[in-house]
Amino acid sequence: MDIYPIEIGDKIRLALHDTLIPGQVDSGRYDPKLESKQTLMDEYDYVMYGKVFKYSIEKGTGKVRIYISFGGLLMELKGDPEYVKEINPDSRLYLLIRK
C-alpha cells in the first residue's frame, strides 16, 4: 500500500518551505499547538519534514544538486542556482504535495 499514490499522468503541486506558518520562524521541533492553527498543511494533502544533507555545484554547467532526506526517503533536486538560492546546506525543509 502506498502512502500517497501518484499515477503517471497525475498533475501534482509540490512545494518546499522552511516553515509551515509563513512569516514565522520554524523551531525545528514538533509543536502540538500547530494542529489548532491554520498552517500550510491545511492547503496540501501530504507533508514531510527533511534536511538537506548534500549540496554541490556541477563543474562546467554550474547547475546545483541538492539532496534532501525525509527520514530516509531521499530526494535529489537539480537546477539553476537562481531557483534554489533560498536552500542552503543543512537547511530543514517541509515538502508539501497536493493533486
N, C-alpha and C. Protein backbone atom coordinates (compact mmCIF):
# COMPACT_ATOMS: atom_id res chain seq x y z
N MET A 1 0.84 -1.18 0.00
CA MET A 1 0.00 0.00 0.00
C MET A 1 0.88 1.25 0.00
N ASP A 2 0.62 2.15 -0.91
CA ASP A 2 1.37 3.40 -0.98
C ASP A 2 0.79 4.42 -0.02
N ILE A 3 1.65 5.24 0.54
CA ILE A 3 1.20 6.28 1.47
C ILE A 3 0.48 7.40 0.72
N TYR A 4 1.05 7.81 -0.39
CA TYR A 4 0.43 8.86 -1.21
C TYR A 4 0.61 8.49 -2.67
N PRO A 5 -0.28 7.67 -3.21
CA PRO A 5 -0.10 7.17 -4.57
C PRO A 5 -0.22 8.27 -5.62
N ILE A 6 0.71 8.25 -6.54
CA ILE A 6 0.70 9.16 -7.68
C ILE A 6 0.88 8.30 -8.93
N GLU A 7 -0.04 8.45 -9.85
CA GLU A 7 0.00 7.68 -11.08
C GLU A 7 0.61 8.50 -12.20
N ILE A 8 1.14 7.82 -13.22
CA ILE A 8 1.66 8.51 -14.40
C ILE A 8 0.52 9.31 -15.00
N GLY A 9 0.79 10.56 -15.29
CA GLY A 9 -0.23 11.46 -15.85
C GLY A 9 -0.92 12.32 -14.82
N ASP A 10 -0.80 11.96 -13.52
CA ASP A 10 -1.38 12.81 -12.47
C ASP A 10 -0.66 14.15 -12.44
N LYS A 11 -1.40 15.19 -12.24
CA LYS A 11 -0.81 16.51 -12.06
C LYS A 11 -0.76 16.78 -10.56
N ILE A 12 0.42 17.18 -10.09
CA ILE A 12 0.57 17.47 -8.67
C ILE A 12 1.20 18.85 -8.50
N ARG A 13 1.01 19.40 -7.34
CA ARG A 13 1.70 20.63 -6.95
C ARG A 13 2.62 20.24 -5.80
N LEU A 14 3.88 20.56 -5.96
CA LEU A 14 4.88 20.25 -4.96
C LEU A 14 5.53 21.54 -4.53
N ALA A 15 5.63 21.75 -3.23
CA ALA A 15 6.25 22.97 -2.71
C ALA A 15 7.26 22.62 -1.63
N LEU A 16 8.30 23.42 -1.52
CA LEU A 16 9.27 23.31 -0.44
C LEU A 16 9.21 24.60 0.37
N HIS A 17 9.08 24.46 1.68
CA HIS A 17 9.02 25.62 2.57
C HIS A 17 9.89 25.35 3.79
N ASP A 18 10.40 26.43 4.38
CA ASP A 18 11.19 26.28 5.59
C ASP A 18 10.35 26.43 6.86
N THR A 19 9.07 26.72 6.70
CA THR A 19 8.16 26.85 7.82
C THR A 19 6.75 26.50 7.38
N LEU A 20 5.92 26.14 8.33
CA LEU A 20 4.53 25.83 8.00
C LEU A 20 3.62 27.05 8.17
N ILE A 21 4.15 28.07 8.86
CA ILE A 21 3.40 29.30 9.05
C ILE A 21 4.21 30.43 8.43
N PRO A 22 3.82 30.89 7.23
CA PRO A 22 4.58 31.94 6.56
C PRO A 22 4.78 33.16 7.47
N GLY A 23 6.02 33.68 7.46
CA GLY A 23 6.34 34.84 8.28
C GLY A 23 6.77 34.49 9.69
N GLN A 24 6.71 33.21 10.04
CA GLN A 24 7.10 32.78 11.37
C GLN A 24 8.26 31.79 11.26
N VAL A 25 9.29 31.98 12.07
CA VAL A 25 10.46 31.10 12.04
C VAL A 25 10.09 29.76 12.66
N ASP A 26 10.49 28.68 11.99
CA ASP A 26 10.21 27.33 12.47
C ASP A 26 11.25 26.93 13.51
N SER A 27 10.80 26.36 14.61
CA SER A 27 11.70 25.96 15.70
C SER A 27 12.43 24.65 15.40
N GLY A 28 11.91 23.87 14.45
CA GLY A 28 12.51 22.57 14.17
C GLY A 28 12.03 21.49 15.11
N ARG A 29 11.08 21.80 15.97
CA ARG A 29 10.52 20.84 16.91
C ARG A 29 9.03 20.70 16.67
N TYR A 30 8.51 19.53 16.98
CA TYR A 30 7.08 19.30 16.84
C TYR A 30 6.34 20.13 17.88
N ASP A 31 5.33 20.84 17.43
CA ASP A 31 4.52 21.66 18.32
C ASP A 31 3.06 21.22 18.18
N PRO A 32 2.50 20.53 19.19
CA PRO A 32 1.12 20.07 19.07
C PRO A 32 0.12 21.21 18.90
N LYS A 33 0.49 22.43 19.26
CA LYS A 33 -0.39 23.59 19.10
C LYS A 33 -0.64 23.91 17.63
N LEU A 34 0.24 23.43 16.74
CA LEU A 34 0.06 23.68 15.30
C LEU A 34 -1.24 23.09 14.78
N GLU A 35 -1.71 22.02 15.42
CA GLU A 35 -2.94 21.37 14.96
C GLU A 35 -4.16 22.27 15.09
N SER A 36 -4.09 23.25 15.99
CA SER A 36 -5.22 24.15 16.17
C SER A 36 -5.03 25.48 15.42
N LYS A 37 -3.89 25.64 14.76
CA LYS A 37 -3.62 26.86 13.99
C LYS A 37 -3.76 26.58 12.50
N GLN A 38 -3.98 27.63 11.74
CA GLN A 38 -4.00 27.48 10.28
C GLN A 38 -2.56 27.49 9.79
N THR A 39 -2.20 26.45 9.05
CA THR A 39 -0.84 26.33 8.53
C THR A 39 -0.90 25.93 7.06
N LEU A 40 0.25 25.85 6.43
CA LEU A 40 0.31 25.39 5.04
C LEU A 40 -0.17 23.95 4.90
N MET A 41 -0.12 23.19 5.99
CA MET A 41 -0.60 21.80 5.93
C MET A 41 -2.07 21.73 5.56
N ASP A 42 -2.83 22.77 5.88
CA ASP A 42 -4.26 22.79 5.55
C ASP A 42 -4.51 22.87 4.05
N GLU A 43 -3.52 23.32 3.29
CA GLU A 43 -3.68 23.51 1.85
C GLU A 43 -3.15 22.35 1.03
N TYR A 44 -2.53 21.36 1.67
CA TYR A 44 -1.91 20.24 0.97
C TYR A 44 -2.41 18.91 1.51
N ASP A 45 -2.23 17.86 0.72
CA ASP A 45 -2.67 16.52 1.09
C ASP A 45 -1.61 15.74 1.87
N TYR A 46 -0.35 16.02 1.59
CA TYR A 46 0.74 15.23 2.18
C TYR A 46 1.91 16.15 2.50
N VAL A 47 2.48 15.99 3.70
CA VAL A 47 3.59 16.84 4.15
C VAL A 47 4.68 15.97 4.75
N MET A 48 5.93 16.28 4.41
CA MET A 48 7.09 15.61 5.01
C MET A 48 8.08 16.67 5.47
N TYR A 49 8.89 16.31 6.48
CA TYR A 49 9.90 17.21 7.02
C TYR A 49 11.26 16.57 6.79
N GLY A 50 12.20 17.34 6.25
CA GLY A 50 13.50 16.76 5.96
C GLY A 50 14.64 17.74 6.11
N LYS A 51 15.84 17.24 5.81
CA LYS A 51 17.06 18.02 5.96
C LYS A 51 17.95 17.87 4.73
N VAL A 52 18.51 18.99 4.28
CA VAL A 52 19.48 18.97 3.19
C VAL A 52 20.76 18.35 3.74
N PHE A 53 21.20 17.26 3.13
CA PHE A 53 22.41 16.61 3.63
C PHE A 53 23.58 16.70 2.65
N LYS A 54 23.31 17.13 1.43
CA LYS A 54 24.39 17.30 0.47
C LYS A 54 24.00 18.38 -0.51
N TYR A 55 24.95 19.23 -0.85
CA TYR A 55 24.71 20.36 -1.73
C TYR A 55 25.97 20.53 -2.57
N SER A 56 25.84 20.46 -3.88
CA SER A 56 27.03 20.58 -4.72
C SER A 56 26.70 21.36 -5.99
N ILE A 57 27.74 21.94 -6.56
CA ILE A 57 27.62 22.68 -7.82
C ILE A 57 28.43 21.92 -8.86
N GLU A 58 27.78 21.57 -9.98
CA GLU A 58 28.45 20.82 -11.04
C GLU A 58 29.45 21.68 -11.77
N LYS A 59 30.62 21.13 -11.96
CA LYS A 59 31.65 21.84 -12.73
C LYS A 59 31.22 21.91 -14.18
N GLY A 60 31.46 23.02 -14.81
CA GLY A 60 31.12 23.16 -16.22
C GLY A 60 29.74 23.73 -16.47
N THR A 61 28.72 23.13 -15.86
CA THR A 61 27.35 23.58 -16.10
C THR A 61 26.89 24.62 -15.08
N GLY A 62 27.47 24.58 -13.89
CA GLY A 62 27.05 25.50 -12.84
C GLY A 62 25.73 25.11 -12.19
N LYS A 63 25.17 23.97 -12.61
CA LYS A 63 23.90 23.50 -12.03
C LYS A 63 24.13 23.08 -10.58
N VAL A 64 23.11 23.26 -9.78
CA VAL A 64 23.16 22.89 -8.37
C VAL A 64 22.47 21.55 -8.19
N ARG A 65 23.06 20.69 -7.37
CA ARG A 65 22.43 19.43 -6.97
C ARG A 65 22.23 19.49 -5.47
N ILE A 66 20.98 19.28 -5.08
CA ILE A 66 20.64 19.33 -3.67
C ILE A 66 20.01 17.99 -3.29
N TYR A 67 20.50 17.40 -2.22
CA TYR A 67 19.99 16.13 -1.74
C TYR A 67 19.33 16.35 -0.38
N ILE A 68 18.08 15.90 -0.27
CA ILE A 68 17.31 16.09 0.96
C ILE A 68 16.84 14.73 1.44
N SER A 69 16.98 14.49 2.74
CA SER A 69 16.49 13.25 3.35
C SER A 69 15.24 13.56 4.16
N PHE A 70 14.18 12.83 3.86
CA PHE A 70 12.93 12.92 4.61
C PHE A 70 12.79 11.62 5.40
N GLY A 71 13.56 11.51 6.46
CA GLY A 71 13.50 10.29 7.28
C GLY A 71 13.94 9.05 6.54
N GLY A 72 14.86 9.20 5.61
CA GLY A 72 15.35 8.06 4.84
C GLY A 72 14.83 8.04 3.41
N LEU A 73 13.74 8.73 3.14
CA LEU A 73 13.25 8.87 1.77
C LEU A 73 14.03 10.02 1.16
N LEU A 74 14.80 9.75 0.12
CA LEU A 74 15.73 10.73 -0.43
C LEU A 74 15.18 11.42 -1.66
N MET A 75 15.51 12.69 -1.78
CA MET A 75 15.11 13.49 -2.93
C MET A 75 16.35 14.20 -3.47
N GLU A 76 16.48 14.20 -4.80
CA GLU A 76 17.55 14.95 -5.45
C GLU A 76 16.90 16.04 -6.30
N LEU A 77 17.34 17.27 -6.09
CA LEU A 77 16.91 18.39 -6.92
C LEU A 77 18.10 18.86 -7.72
N LYS A 78 17.87 19.13 -8.98
CA LYS A 78 18.95 19.63 -9.84
C LYS A 78 18.39 20.80 -10.62
N GLY A 79 19.12 21.92 -10.64
CA GLY A 79 18.62 23.06 -11.38
C GLY A 79 19.55 24.25 -11.33
N ASP A 80 19.04 25.35 -11.84
CA ASP A 80 19.80 26.60 -11.85
C ASP A 80 19.86 27.17 -10.44
N PRO A 81 21.02 27.69 -10.05
CA PRO A 81 21.16 28.23 -8.70
C PRO A 81 20.16 29.34 -8.36
N GLU A 82 19.74 30.12 -9.35
CA GLU A 82 18.82 31.23 -9.06
C GLU A 82 17.46 30.74 -8.56
N TYR A 83 17.06 29.51 -8.91
CA TYR A 83 15.77 28.99 -8.49
C TYR A 83 15.80 28.32 -7.13
N VAL A 84 16.98 28.02 -6.64
CA VAL A 84 17.09 27.34 -5.34
C VAL A 84 18.01 28.11 -4.38
N LYS A 85 18.12 29.41 -4.59
CA LYS A 85 19.04 30.22 -3.79
C LYS A 85 18.65 30.29 -2.32
N GLU A 86 17.39 29.99 -1.99
CA GLU A 86 16.94 30.02 -0.60
C GLU A 86 17.29 28.74 0.15
N ILE A 87 17.71 27.70 -0.60
CA ILE A 87 18.04 26.42 0.03
C ILE A 87 19.54 26.35 0.25
N ASN A 88 19.93 26.09 1.49
CA ASN A 88 21.34 26.05 1.86
C ASN A 88 21.68 24.69 2.45
N PRO A 89 22.98 24.36 2.49
CA PRO A 89 23.37 23.11 3.15
C PRO A 89 22.85 23.09 4.59
N ASP A 90 22.41 21.95 5.04
CA ASP A 90 21.86 21.73 6.38
C ASP A 90 20.52 22.42 6.62
N SER A 91 19.89 22.96 5.57
CA SER A 91 18.54 23.53 5.73
C SER A 91 17.57 22.43 6.12
N ARG A 92 16.57 22.81 6.87
CA ARG A 92 15.47 21.91 7.20
C ARG A 92 14.25 22.41 6.45
N LEU A 93 13.60 21.51 5.72
CA LEU A 93 12.52 21.89 4.82
C LEU A 93 11.30 21.00 4.96
N TYR A 94 10.15 21.58 4.63
CA TYR A 94 8.91 20.83 4.51
C TYR A 94 8.64 20.64 3.04
N LEU A 95 8.30 19.42 2.66
CA LEU A 95 7.85 19.12 1.30
C LEU A 95 6.34 18.93 1.39
N LEU A 96 5.61 19.69 0.59
CA LEU A 96 4.14 19.65 0.61
C LEU A 96 3.65 19.25 -0.77
N ILE A 97 2.67 18.32 -0.82
CA ILE A 97 2.15 17.81 -2.10
C ILE A 97 0.63 17.83 -2.07
N ARG A 98 0.06 18.19 -3.22
CA ARG A 98 -1.38 18.04 -3.41
C ARG A 98 -1.66 17.77 -4.87
N LYS A 99 -2.79 17.13 -5.12
CA LYS A 99 -3.21 16.85 -6.50
C LYS A 99 -4.12 17.94 -6.97
